[in-house]
């Protein structure tokens, strides 16, 4: 079933308008099927009213180090972490970033 997220301001980072127009975002499966003010976007969909909330695209972080444990001080401590533990920690950090809205990241110097 489609989902319609209604009553949202869309921020795209480009438009010069203030976002006063409340729009509907239609989602079908795992894809955005449409955005706009057309009532047809709500047809045959589960409608979720968000009354003035703001929707924005996924965020980017252009400088991350998924491979490094922030609490460890030097290279010797970092290298002492077992590869499997390091991989699991990288997966956890990536999942935390995704849940915070970061959908694109550039990992610098990762293994």
N, C-alpha and C. Protein backbone atom coordinates (compact mmCIF):
# COMPACT_ATOMS: atom_id res chain seq x y z
N UNK A 1 0.83 -1.18 0.00
CA UNK A 1 0.00 0.00 0.00
C UNK A 1 0.88 1.25 0.00
N UNK A 2 0.46 2.23 -0.74
CA UNK A 2 1.17 3.50 -0.81
C UNK A 2 0.97 4.28 0.49
N UNK A 3 1.92 5.13 0.78
CA UNK A 3 1.84 6.03 1.94
C UNK A 3 1.92 7.45 1.41
N UNK A 4 1.07 8.32 1.92
CA UNK A 4 1.11 9.74 1.56
C UNK A 4 1.42 10.54 2.82
N UNK A 5 2.55 11.21 2.81
CA UNK A 5 2.94 12.08 3.92
C UNK A 5 2.45 13.47 3.54
N UNK A 6 1.43 13.93 4.25
CA UNK A 6 0.74 15.16 3.84
C UNK A 6 1.04 16.31 4.78
N UNK A 7 0.91 17.52 4.23
CA UNK A 7 1.05 18.73 5.04
C UNK A 7 2.48 19.09 5.37
N UNK A 8 3.43 18.76 4.49
CA UNK A 8 4.84 19.05 4.77
C UNK A 8 5.36 20.16 3.86
N UNK A 9 6.30 20.92 4.39
CA UNK A 9 7.06 21.87 3.58
C UNK A 9 8.25 21.09 3.03
N UNK A 10 8.54 21.26 1.78
CA UNK A 10 9.67 20.57 1.15
C UNK A 10 10.84 21.54 1.07
N UNK A 11 11.97 21.17 1.66
CA UNK A 11 13.19 21.98 1.55
C UNK A 11 14.15 21.22 0.67
N UNK A 12 14.53 21.84 -0.45
CA UNK A 12 15.41 21.15 -1.38
C UNK A 12 16.80 21.77 -1.44
N UNK A 13 17.04 22.83 -0.68
CA UNK A 13 18.34 23.46 -0.66
C UNK A 13 18.60 24.39 -1.83
N UNK A 14 17.67 24.48 -2.76
CA UNK A 14 17.87 25.29 -3.96
C UNK A 14 16.81 26.38 -4.08
N UNK A 15 15.56 26.04 -3.87
CA UNK A 15 14.47 26.97 -4.08
C UNK A 15 14.60 28.18 -3.16
N UNK A 16 14.20 29.33 -3.65
CA UNK A 16 14.29 30.56 -2.90
C UNK A 16 13.01 30.86 -2.11
N UNK A 17 11.98 30.04 -2.29
CA UNK A 17 10.73 30.30 -1.57
C UNK A 17 10.89 29.97 -0.09
N UNK A 18 9.94 30.42 0.69
CA UNK A 18 10.03 30.23 2.14
C UNK A 18 9.45 28.91 2.59
N UNK A 19 8.93 28.13 1.68
CA UNK A 19 8.37 26.84 2.06
C UNK A 19 6.99 26.94 2.64
N UNK A 20 6.23 27.99 2.24
CA UNK A 20 4.89 28.16 2.78
C UNK A 20 3.89 27.17 2.19
N UNK A 21 4.23 26.57 1.05
CA UNK A 21 3.32 25.63 0.40
C UNK A 21 3.41 24.28 1.11
N UNK A 22 2.26 23.77 1.56
CA UNK A 22 2.23 22.46 2.18
C UNK A 22 1.95 21.43 1.10
N UNK A 23 2.78 20.44 1.02
CA UNK A 23 2.70 19.46 -0.05
C UNK A 23 2.50 18.06 0.51
N UNK A 24 2.32 17.13 -0.41
CA UNK A 24 2.19 15.71 -0.09
C UNK A 24 3.32 14.96 -0.78
N UNK A 25 3.93 14.03 -0.05
CA UNK A 25 4.95 13.14 -0.61
C UNK A 25 4.33 11.76 -0.67
N UNK A 26 4.23 11.19 -1.86
CA UNK A 26 3.67 9.84 -2.02
C UNK A 26 4.81 8.84 -2.14
N UNK A 27 4.73 7.79 -1.32
CA UNK A 27 5.74 6.74 -1.31
C UNK A 27 5.07 5.43 -1.71
N UNK A 28 5.66 4.77 -2.69
CA UNK A 28 5.19 3.46 -3.13
C UNK A 28 6.35 2.48 -3.01
N UNK A 29 6.21 1.52 -2.13
CA UNK A 29 7.31 0.59 -1.88
C UNK A 29 8.45 1.34 -1.21
N UNK A 30 9.63 1.30 -1.83
CA UNK A 30 10.78 2.00 -1.26
C UNK A 30 11.17 3.21 -2.11
N UNK A 31 10.21 3.75 -2.88
CA UNK A 31 10.49 4.87 -3.78
C UNK A 31 9.51 6.02 -3.56
N UNK A 32 9.99 7.24 -3.73
CA UNK A 32 9.12 8.40 -3.76
C UNK A 32 8.46 8.42 -5.13
N UNK A 33 7.14 8.33 -5.16
CA UNK A 33 6.40 8.26 -6.43
C UNK A 33 5.92 9.62 -6.88
N UNK A 34 5.86 10.58 -5.99
CA UNK A 34 5.41 11.91 -6.38
C UNK A 34 5.45 12.88 -5.23
N UNK A 35 5.60 14.16 -5.58
CA UNK A 35 5.58 15.24 -4.60
C UNK A 35 4.78 16.38 -5.21
N UNK A 36 3.88 16.96 -4.43
CA UNK A 36 3.14 18.10 -4.93
C UNK A 36 1.90 18.38 -4.11
N UNK A 37 1.02 19.18 -4.71
CA UNK A 37 -0.21 19.57 -4.02
C UNK A 37 -1.43 18.86 -4.61
N UNK A 38 -1.24 18.05 -5.62
CA UNK A 38 -2.34 17.35 -6.28
C UNK A 38 -2.98 16.34 -5.33
N UNK A 39 -4.28 16.41 -5.19
CA UNK A 39 -5.02 15.51 -4.28
C UNK A 39 -4.87 14.05 -4.68
N UNK A 40 -4.54 13.78 -5.95
CA UNK A 40 -4.41 12.38 -6.39
C UNK A 40 -3.25 11.67 -5.69
N UNK A 41 -2.30 12.42 -5.12
CA UNK A 41 -1.19 11.80 -4.41
C UNK A 41 -1.66 11.06 -3.16
N UNK A 42 -2.83 11.44 -2.65
CA UNK A 42 -3.38 10.80 -1.45
C UNK A 42 -4.27 9.60 -1.79
N UNK A 43 -4.70 9.49 -3.04
CA UNK A 43 -5.65 8.46 -3.44
C UNK A 43 -5.08 7.06 -3.22
N UNK A 44 -5.88 6.20 -2.63
CA UNK A 44 -5.51 4.80 -2.36
C UNK A 44 -4.21 4.70 -1.57
N UNK A 45 -4.02 5.60 -0.63
CA UNK A 45 -2.81 5.59 0.19
C UNK A 45 -3.18 5.75 1.65
N UNK A 46 -2.32 5.26 2.50
CA UNK A 46 -2.44 5.53 3.93
C UNK A 46 -1.89 6.94 4.13
N UNK A 47 -2.71 7.86 4.58
CA UNK A 47 -2.32 9.27 4.69
C UNK A 47 -1.84 9.56 6.11
N UNK A 48 -0.64 10.10 6.20
CA UNK A 48 -0.07 10.53 7.47
C UNK A 48 0.01 12.05 7.44
N UNK A 49 -0.70 12.71 8.34
CA UNK A 49 -0.72 14.18 8.39
C UNK A 49 0.43 14.69 9.26
N UNK A 50 1.24 15.57 8.70
CA UNK A 50 2.37 16.11 9.45
C UNK A 50 2.26 17.61 9.71
N UNK A 51 1.17 18.22 9.30
CA UNK A 51 0.79 19.59 9.66
C UNK A 51 1.95 20.57 9.82
N UNK A 52 2.60 20.90 8.73
CA UNK A 52 3.62 21.95 8.75
C UNK A 52 5.03 21.51 9.04
N UNK A 53 5.27 20.21 9.18
CA UNK A 53 6.65 19.72 9.38
C UNK A 53 7.44 20.00 8.10
N UNK A 54 8.75 19.96 8.20
CA UNK A 54 9.60 20.20 7.04
C UNK A 54 10.30 18.90 6.65
N UNK A 55 10.24 18.58 5.36
CA UNK A 55 10.94 17.41 4.83
C UNK A 55 12.16 17.90 4.06
N UNK A 56 13.26 17.20 4.19
CA UNK A 56 14.47 17.56 3.47
C UNK A 56 15.14 16.30 2.95
N UNK A 57 16.00 16.46 1.95
CA UNK A 57 16.67 15.28 1.41
C UNK A 57 17.67 14.72 2.41
N UNK A 58 18.16 13.53 2.13
CA UNK A 58 19.18 12.94 3.00
C UNK A 58 20.40 13.84 3.10
N UNK A 59 21.02 13.84 4.25
CA UNK A 59 22.19 14.68 4.49
C UNK A 59 23.47 13.95 4.08
N UNK A 60 24.53 14.71 3.82
CA UNK A 60 25.83 14.15 3.47
C UNK A 60 26.86 14.54 4.52
N UNK A 61 27.76 13.62 4.81
CA UNK A 61 28.91 13.93 5.66
C UNK A 61 30.14 13.58 4.82
N UNK A 62 30.91 14.59 4.47
CA UNK A 62 32.03 14.40 3.54
C UNK A 62 33.35 14.09 4.23
N UNK A 63 33.33 13.87 5.54
CA UNK A 63 34.58 13.56 6.23
C UNK A 63 34.28 12.70 7.46
N UNK A 64 34.29 11.39 7.25
CA UNK A 64 34.09 10.45 8.34
C UNK A 64 35.23 9.45 8.37
N UNK A 65 35.40 8.81 9.51
CA UNK A 65 36.38 7.74 9.69
C UNK A 65 35.66 6.58 10.36
N UNK A 66 34.91 5.82 9.58
CA UNK A 66 34.15 4.71 10.14
C UNK A 66 35.06 3.66 10.77
N UNK A 67 36.30 3.59 10.31
CA UNK A 67 37.24 2.58 10.74
C UNK A 67 37.88 2.88 12.11
N UNK A 68 37.77 4.13 12.57
CA UNK A 68 38.45 4.52 13.80
C UNK A 68 37.49 4.57 14.98
N UNK A 69 37.95 4.04 16.11
CA UNK A 69 37.19 4.11 17.36
C UNK A 69 37.54 5.42 18.04
N UNK A 70 36.59 6.33 18.20
CA UNK A 70 36.91 7.66 18.72
C UNK A 70 37.51 7.68 20.13
N UNK A 71 37.25 6.66 20.93
CA UNK A 71 37.75 6.67 22.31
C UNK A 71 39.20 6.17 22.41
N UNK A 72 39.73 5.61 21.32
CA UNK A 72 41.11 5.12 21.35
C UNK A 72 42.04 6.23 20.87
N UNK A 73 43.19 6.36 21.53
CA UNK A 73 44.05 7.52 21.30
C UNK A 73 44.97 7.41 20.09
N UNK A 74 45.78 6.40 20.00
CA UNK A 74 46.80 6.37 18.96
C UNK A 74 46.66 5.19 18.01
N UNK A 75 47.52 5.17 17.01
CA UNK A 75 47.47 4.09 16.01
C UNK A 75 47.65 2.70 16.62
N UNK A 76 48.51 2.57 17.63
CA UNK A 76 48.72 1.25 18.23
C UNK A 76 47.43 0.72 18.85
N UNK A 77 46.69 1.59 19.54
CA UNK A 77 45.42 1.17 20.15
C UNK A 77 44.40 0.83 19.05
N UNK A 78 44.37 1.63 17.99
CA UNK A 78 43.42 1.38 16.89
C UNK A 78 43.71 0.03 16.23
N UNK A 79 44.98 -0.24 15.99
CA UNK A 79 45.37 -1.48 15.31
C UNK A 79 45.20 -2.71 16.19
N UNK A 80 45.09 -2.51 17.50
CA UNK A 80 44.91 -3.64 18.42
C UNK A 80 43.49 -4.19 18.39
N UNK A 81 42.56 -3.46 17.81
CA UNK A 81 41.17 -3.91 17.72
C UNK A 81 41.09 -5.02 16.67
N UNK A 82 40.50 -6.14 17.04
CA UNK A 82 40.38 -7.28 16.13
C UNK A 82 39.58 -6.88 14.89
N UNK A 83 39.97 -7.37 13.71
CA UNK A 83 39.28 -6.99 12.47
C UNK A 83 37.77 -7.20 12.51
N UNK A 84 37.32 -8.31 13.09
CA UNK A 84 35.88 -8.57 13.14
C UNK A 84 35.17 -7.54 14.04
N UNK A 85 35.81 -7.18 15.16
CA UNK A 85 35.24 -6.16 16.05
C UNK A 85 35.21 -4.81 15.34
N UNK A 86 36.25 -4.51 14.58
CA UNK A 86 36.32 -3.25 13.84
C UNK A 86 35.19 -3.19 12.81
N UNK A 87 34.97 -4.29 12.09
CA UNK A 87 33.91 -4.35 11.08
C UNK A 87 32.54 -4.14 11.72
N UNK A 88 32.29 -4.80 12.84
CA UNK A 88 31.01 -4.64 13.53
C UNK A 88 30.81 -3.19 13.99
N UNK A 89 31.87 -2.57 14.49
CA UNK A 89 31.78 -1.18 14.94
C UNK A 89 31.51 -0.25 13.76
N UNK A 90 32.12 -0.53 12.61
CA UNK A 90 31.88 0.27 11.41
C UNK A 90 30.41 0.17 10.99
N UNK A 91 29.87 -1.04 11.03
CA UNK A 91 28.45 -1.23 10.68
C UNK A 91 27.55 -0.46 11.65
N UNK A 92 27.87 -0.51 12.93
CA UNK A 92 27.08 0.21 13.94
C UNK A 92 27.14 1.71 13.70
N UNK A 93 28.35 2.24 13.44
CA UNK A 93 28.48 3.67 13.19
C UNK A 93 27.70 4.09 11.95
N UNK A 94 27.77 3.28 10.89
CA UNK A 94 27.04 3.60 9.66
C UNK A 94 25.53 3.59 9.91
N UNK A 95 25.04 2.62 10.68
CA UNK A 95 23.61 2.56 11.00
C UNK A 95 23.19 3.77 11.83
N UNK A 96 24.04 4.21 12.75
CA UNK A 96 23.73 5.40 13.56
C UNK A 96 23.66 6.64 12.68
N UNK A 97 24.56 6.75 11.72
CA UNK A 97 24.54 7.88 10.80
C UNK A 97 23.25 7.87 9.98
N UNK A 98 22.88 6.70 9.48
CA UNK A 98 21.67 6.60 8.68
C UNK A 98 20.44 6.98 9.49
N UNK A 99 20.37 6.53 10.73
CA UNK A 99 19.21 6.87 11.56
C UNK A 99 19.18 8.36 11.91
N UNK A 100 20.30 9.05 11.78
CA UNK A 100 20.35 10.50 12.01
C UNK A 100 20.06 11.30 10.75
N UNK A 101 19.82 10.60 9.62
CA UNK A 101 19.48 11.28 8.38
C UNK A 101 20.62 11.43 7.40
N UNK A 102 21.77 10.90 7.72
CA UNK A 102 22.91 10.96 6.80
C UNK A 102 22.81 9.77 5.86
N UNK A 103 22.57 10.07 4.58
CA UNK A 103 22.39 9.00 3.60
C UNK A 103 23.60 8.83 2.69
N UNK A 104 24.55 9.76 2.75
CA UNK A 104 25.76 9.68 1.95
C UNK A 104 26.94 10.08 2.82
N UNK A 105 28.00 9.27 2.79
CA UNK A 105 29.19 9.60 3.58
C UNK A 105 30.43 9.26 2.76
N UNK A 106 31.46 10.08 2.93
CA UNK A 106 32.76 9.83 2.32
C UNK A 106 33.70 9.42 3.44
N UNK A 107 34.11 8.16 3.42
CA UNK A 107 34.98 7.61 4.45
C UNK A 107 36.42 7.86 4.04
N UNK A 108 37.15 8.58 4.86
CA UNK A 108 38.53 8.96 4.54
C UNK A 108 39.52 8.03 5.24
N UNK A 109 40.31 7.37 4.45
CA UNK A 109 41.37 6.53 5.00
C UNK A 109 40.91 5.22 5.60
N UNK A 110 39.68 4.83 5.34
CA UNK A 110 39.17 3.58 5.90
C UNK A 110 39.85 2.37 5.29
N UNK A 111 39.83 1.28 6.04
CA UNK A 111 40.46 0.04 5.56
C UNK A 111 39.61 -0.66 4.54
